[in-house]
Amino acid sequence: MQTLSNRQKQKVKTNILSLLDNSSLKDQIEILGNIFIDIGLQKINIDNNVNINTKNIYEIVLNDVEKNGDTLENSLTRQGLIILSWLNKE
């Protein structure tokens, strides 16, 4: 896996912000929350037979926390879930 330079990271950030520019703040935050979830879940060891959905995602993440402790991957996923649950309260 390649590590990006600070300049490359800044360019990616600028591109993402540009893509989100015409969206409402709520849409921007929802997109970022979903990205957090997707990135986190990609790195969590989940059985290939498990179909992740809104009913079991919390159980999957909590099982990972129980098995592996707090990791960057499951913490990022939880943050995405918190963002989405906060947006759904409005």
N, C-alpha and C. Protein backbone atom coordinates (compact mmCIF):
# COMPACT_ATOMS: atom_id res chain seq x y z
N MET A 1 0.84 -1.17 0.00
CA MET A 1 0.00 0.00 0.00
C MET A 1 0.89 1.24 0.00
N GLN A 2 0.59 2.15 -0.89
CA GLN A 2 1.39 3.37 -1.06
C GLN A 2 0.94 4.45 -0.09
N THR A 3 1.88 5.14 0.51
CA THR A 3 1.58 6.28 1.37
C THR A 3 1.66 7.55 0.53
N LEU A 4 0.65 8.38 0.66
CA LEU A 4 0.61 9.62 -0.10
C LEU A 4 1.45 10.70 0.56
N SER A 5 2.04 11.55 -0.25
CA SER A 5 2.76 12.70 0.28
C SER A 5 1.74 13.73 0.76
N ASN A 6 2.19 14.69 1.53
CA ASN A 6 1.30 15.76 2.00
C ASN A 6 0.68 16.51 0.83
N ARG A 7 1.46 16.72 -0.21
CA ARG A 7 0.95 17.42 -1.40
C ARG A 7 -0.17 16.59 -2.07
N GLN A 8 0.04 15.28 -2.17
CA GLN A 8 -0.97 14.41 -2.77
C GLN A 8 -2.24 14.39 -1.91
N LYS A 9 -2.07 14.34 -0.60
CA LYS A 9 -3.22 14.35 0.31
C LYS A 9 -4.01 15.64 0.15
N GLN A 10 -3.32 16.76 0.04
CA GLN A 10 -3.98 18.05 -0.13
C GLN A 10 -4.76 18.08 -1.45
N LYS A 11 -4.18 17.52 -2.51
CA LYS A 11 -4.84 17.48 -3.81
C LYS A 11 -6.11 16.63 -3.75
N VAL A 12 -6.03 15.47 -3.08
CA VAL A 12 -7.20 14.60 -2.94
C VAL A 12 -8.28 15.33 -2.15
N LYS A 13 -7.89 15.97 -1.04
CA LYS A 13 -8.85 16.71 -0.22
C LYS A 13 -9.53 17.81 -1.04
N THR A 14 -8.75 18.54 -1.81
CA THR A 14 -9.29 19.60 -2.65
C THR A 14 -10.27 19.04 -3.68
N ASN A 15 -9.93 17.91 -4.27
CA ASN A 15 -10.82 17.28 -5.25
C ASN A 15 -12.13 16.83 -4.61
N ILE A 16 -12.04 16.24 -3.43
CA ILE A 16 -13.25 15.79 -2.74
C ILE A 16 -14.13 16.99 -2.39
N LEU A 17 -13.53 18.04 -1.85
CA LEU A 17 -14.30 19.23 -1.51
C LEU A 17 -14.93 19.86 -2.74
N SER A 18 -14.24 19.81 -3.85
CA SER A 18 -14.78 20.33 -5.11
C SER A 18 -15.99 19.52 -5.55
N LEU A 19 -15.91 18.20 -5.41
CA LEU A 19 -17.04 17.34 -5.77
C LEU A 19 -18.26 17.60 -4.89
N LEU A 20 -18.02 17.91 -3.63
CA LEU A 20 -19.11 18.13 -2.68
C LEU A 20 -19.64 19.56 -2.70
N ASP A 21 -18.97 20.45 -3.40
CA ASP A 21 -19.23 21.88 -3.33
C ASP A 21 -20.68 22.27 -3.60
N ASN A 22 -21.34 21.61 -4.51
CA ASN A 22 -22.70 22.01 -4.89
C ASN A 22 -23.78 21.29 -4.07
N SER A 23 -23.38 20.55 -3.07
CA SER A 23 -24.32 19.82 -2.23
C SER A 23 -24.62 20.60 -0.96
N SER A 24 -25.77 20.30 -0.36
CA SER A 24 -26.09 20.92 0.92
C SER A 24 -25.15 20.37 2.00
N LEU A 25 -25.05 21.10 3.09
CA LEU A 25 -24.21 20.65 4.19
C LEU A 25 -24.64 19.27 4.68
N LYS A 26 -25.94 19.05 4.81
CA LYS A 26 -26.45 17.75 5.26
C LYS A 26 -26.03 16.64 4.29
N ASP A 27 -26.14 16.89 3.00
CA ASP A 27 -25.73 15.89 2.01
C ASP A 27 -24.22 15.63 2.09
N GLN A 28 -23.45 16.69 2.26
CA GLN A 28 -22.00 16.54 2.37
C GLN A 28 -21.63 15.66 3.56
N ILE A 29 -22.24 15.93 4.69
CA ILE A 29 -21.95 15.17 5.91
C ILE A 29 -22.42 13.73 5.76
N GLU A 30 -23.57 13.52 5.14
CA GLU A 30 -24.07 12.16 4.92
C GLU A 30 -23.11 11.36 4.03
N ILE A 31 -22.63 11.99 2.98
CA ILE A 31 -21.67 11.33 2.08
C ILE A 31 -20.40 10.97 2.84
N LEU A 32 -19.88 11.90 3.62
CA LEU A 32 -18.65 11.63 4.38
C LEU A 32 -18.88 10.54 5.43
N GLY A 33 -20.04 10.54 6.09
CA GLY A 33 -20.35 9.48 7.04
C GLY A 33 -20.35 8.11 6.37
N ASN A 34 -20.95 8.04 5.18
CA ASN A 34 -20.96 6.77 4.44
C ASN A 34 -19.57 6.36 3.98
N ILE A 35 -18.75 7.34 3.65
CA ILE A 35 -17.36 7.04 3.27
C ILE A 35 -16.61 6.48 4.47
N PHE A 36 -16.80 7.07 5.65
CA PHE A 36 -16.16 6.56 6.87
C PHE A 36 -16.55 5.10 7.08
N ILE A 37 -17.83 4.81 6.94
CA ILE A 37 -18.32 3.44 7.13
C ILE A 37 -17.69 2.50 6.10
N ASP A 38 -17.70 2.91 4.84
CA ASP A 38 -17.15 2.05 3.79
C ASP A 38 -15.66 1.77 4.00
N ILE A 39 -14.90 2.80 4.32
CA ILE A 39 -13.46 2.62 4.53
C ILE A 39 -13.22 1.71 5.74
N GLY A 40 -13.93 1.97 6.83
CA GLY A 40 -13.75 1.16 8.03
C GLY A 40 -14.11 -0.30 7.80
N LEU A 41 -15.24 -0.55 7.14
CA LEU A 41 -15.68 -1.92 6.92
C LEU A 41 -14.76 -2.68 5.97
N GLN A 42 -14.11 -1.98 5.05
CA GLN A 42 -13.17 -2.64 4.14
C GLN A 42 -12.02 -3.27 4.90
N LYS A 43 -11.68 -2.71 6.05
CA LYS A 43 -10.52 -3.15 6.80
C LYS A 43 -10.87 -4.07 7.97
N ILE A 44 -12.17 -4.23 8.27
CA ILE A 44 -12.59 -5.12 9.33
C ILE A 44 -12.72 -6.52 8.75
N ASN A 45 -12.23 -7.51 9.47
CA ASN A 45 -12.28 -8.89 9.00
C ASN A 45 -13.70 -9.42 9.20
N ILE A 46 -14.46 -9.49 8.10
CA ILE A 46 -15.85 -9.94 8.13
C ILE A 46 -15.96 -11.17 7.24
N ASP A 47 -16.67 -12.18 7.73
CA ASP A 47 -16.90 -13.40 6.95
C ASP A 47 -17.54 -13.03 5.60
N ASN A 48 -17.01 -13.58 4.53
CA ASN A 48 -17.50 -13.27 3.18
C ASN A 48 -18.97 -13.62 2.98
N ASN A 49 -19.50 -14.53 3.80
CA ASN A 49 -20.89 -14.94 3.66
C ASN A 49 -21.87 -13.97 4.31
N VAL A 50 -21.35 -13.00 5.05
CA VAL A 50 -22.21 -12.05 5.77
C VAL A 50 -22.60 -10.91 4.83
N ASN A 51 -23.89 -10.69 4.71
CA ASN A 51 -24.41 -9.57 3.94
C ASN A 51 -24.63 -8.41 4.91
N ILE A 52 -23.83 -7.38 4.80
CA ILE A 52 -23.92 -6.24 5.72
C ILE A 52 -25.12 -5.38 5.33
N ASN A 53 -25.95 -5.07 6.33
CA ASN A 53 -27.10 -4.21 6.10
C ASN A 53 -27.36 -3.37 7.35
N THR A 54 -28.37 -2.54 7.28
CA THR A 54 -28.65 -1.63 8.41
C THR A 54 -29.06 -2.38 9.67
N LYS A 55 -29.54 -3.61 9.53
CA LYS A 55 -29.98 -4.37 10.70
C LYS A 55 -28.82 -5.04 11.43
N ASN A 56 -27.74 -5.37 10.71
CA ASN A 56 -26.66 -6.11 11.37
C ASN A 56 -25.33 -5.36 11.46
N ILE A 57 -25.26 -4.17 10.92
CA ILE A 57 -23.97 -3.46 10.89
C ILE A 57 -23.47 -3.15 12.30
N TYR A 58 -24.37 -2.76 13.20
CA TYR A 58 -23.94 -2.46 14.57
C TYR A 58 -23.38 -3.71 15.25
N GLU A 59 -24.07 -4.83 15.05
CA GLU A 59 -23.60 -6.10 15.64
C GLU A 59 -22.23 -6.48 15.09
N ILE A 60 -22.03 -6.30 13.79
CA ILE A 60 -20.74 -6.62 13.17
C ILE A 60 -19.63 -5.77 13.78
N VAL A 61 -19.89 -4.48 13.91
CA VAL A 61 -18.87 -3.57 14.44
C VAL A 61 -18.61 -3.87 15.91
N LEU A 62 -19.67 -4.08 16.69
CA LEU A 62 -19.48 -4.36 18.11
C LEU A 62 -18.77 -5.70 18.32
N ASN A 63 -19.04 -6.69 17.49
CA ASN A 63 -18.30 -7.95 17.57
C ASN A 63 -16.83 -7.74 17.28
N ASP A 64 -16.52 -6.86 16.32
CA ASP A 64 -15.12 -6.58 16.02
C ASP A 64 -14.44 -5.87 17.19
N VAL A 65 -15.15 -4.96 17.83
CA VAL A 65 -14.59 -4.27 18.99
C VAL A 65 -14.33 -5.28 20.11
N GLU A 66 -15.27 -6.18 20.32
CA GLU A 66 -15.10 -7.20 21.37
C GLU A 66 -13.92 -8.11 21.06
N LYS A 67 -13.76 -8.46 19.79
CA LYS A 67 -12.69 -9.38 19.38
C LYS A 67 -11.32 -8.70 19.34
N ASN A 68 -11.26 -7.47 18.80
CA ASN A 68 -9.98 -6.81 18.53
C ASN A 68 -9.73 -5.56 19.36
N GLY A 69 -10.69 -5.18 20.19
CA GLY A 69 -10.55 -3.92 20.91
C GLY A 69 -10.83 -2.75 19.99
N ASP A 70 -10.61 -1.56 20.48
CA ASP A 70 -10.79 -0.37 19.65
C ASP A 70 -9.68 -0.30 18.62
N THR A 71 -10.07 -0.29 17.37
CA THR A 71 -9.10 -0.15 16.29
C THR A 71 -9.49 1.06 15.45
N LEU A 72 -8.57 1.52 14.66
CA LEU A 72 -8.88 2.62 13.76
C LEU A 72 -10.04 2.26 12.85
N GLU A 73 -10.06 1.02 12.39
CA GLU A 73 -11.08 0.57 11.45
C GLU A 73 -12.48 0.58 12.07
N ASN A 74 -12.62 -0.05 13.24
CA ASN A 74 -13.97 -0.08 13.82
C ASN A 74 -14.36 1.28 14.41
N SER A 75 -13.38 2.07 14.83
CA SER A 75 -13.69 3.42 15.32
C SER A 75 -14.18 4.31 14.19
N LEU A 76 -13.55 4.21 13.03
CA LEU A 76 -13.98 5.00 11.88
C LEU A 76 -15.39 4.60 11.46
N THR A 77 -15.66 3.31 11.45
CA THR A 77 -17.00 2.83 11.11
C THR A 77 -18.03 3.35 12.11
N ARG A 78 -17.70 3.29 13.38
CA ARG A 78 -18.63 3.79 14.41
C ARG A 78 -18.87 5.29 14.25
N GLN A 79 -17.82 6.04 13.92
CA GLN A 79 -18.00 7.48 13.72
C GLN A 79 -18.95 7.76 12.56
N GLY A 80 -18.81 6.99 11.48
CA GLY A 80 -19.73 7.13 10.35
C GLY A 80 -21.16 6.83 10.76
N LEU A 81 -21.34 5.78 11.56
CA LEU A 81 -22.68 5.43 12.03
C LEU A 81 -23.25 6.52 12.93
N ILE A 82 -22.42 7.09 13.78
CA ILE A 82 -22.86 8.18 14.66
C ILE A 82 -23.30 9.38 13.83
N ILE A 83 -22.52 9.73 12.82
CA ILE A 83 -22.86 10.85 11.95
C ILE A 83 -24.22 10.62 11.30
N LEU A 84 -24.42 9.42 10.75
CA LEU A 84 -25.69 9.13 10.08
C LEU A 84 -26.86 9.11 11.05
N SER A 85 -26.65 8.56 12.24
CA SER A 85 -27.75 8.53 13.21
C SER A 85 -28.09 9.94 13.67
N TRP A 86 -27.09 10.79 13.80
CA TRP A 86 -27.33 12.18 14.18
C TRP A 86 -28.13 12.89 13.09
N LEU A 87 -27.77 12.67 11.83
CA LEU A 87 -28.50 13.30 10.72
C LEU A 87 -29.94 12.80 10.64
N ASN A 88 -30.16 11.54 10.98
CA ASN A 88 -31.51 10.97 10.92
C ASN A 88 -32.42 11.49 12.03
N LYS A 89 -31.85 12.09 13.08
CA LYS A 89 -32.65 12.64 14.16
C LYS A 89 -33.33 13.94 13.75
N GLU A 90 -32.79 14.59 12.73
CA GLU A 90 -33.36 15.88 12.31
C GLU A 90 -34.66 15.71 11.59
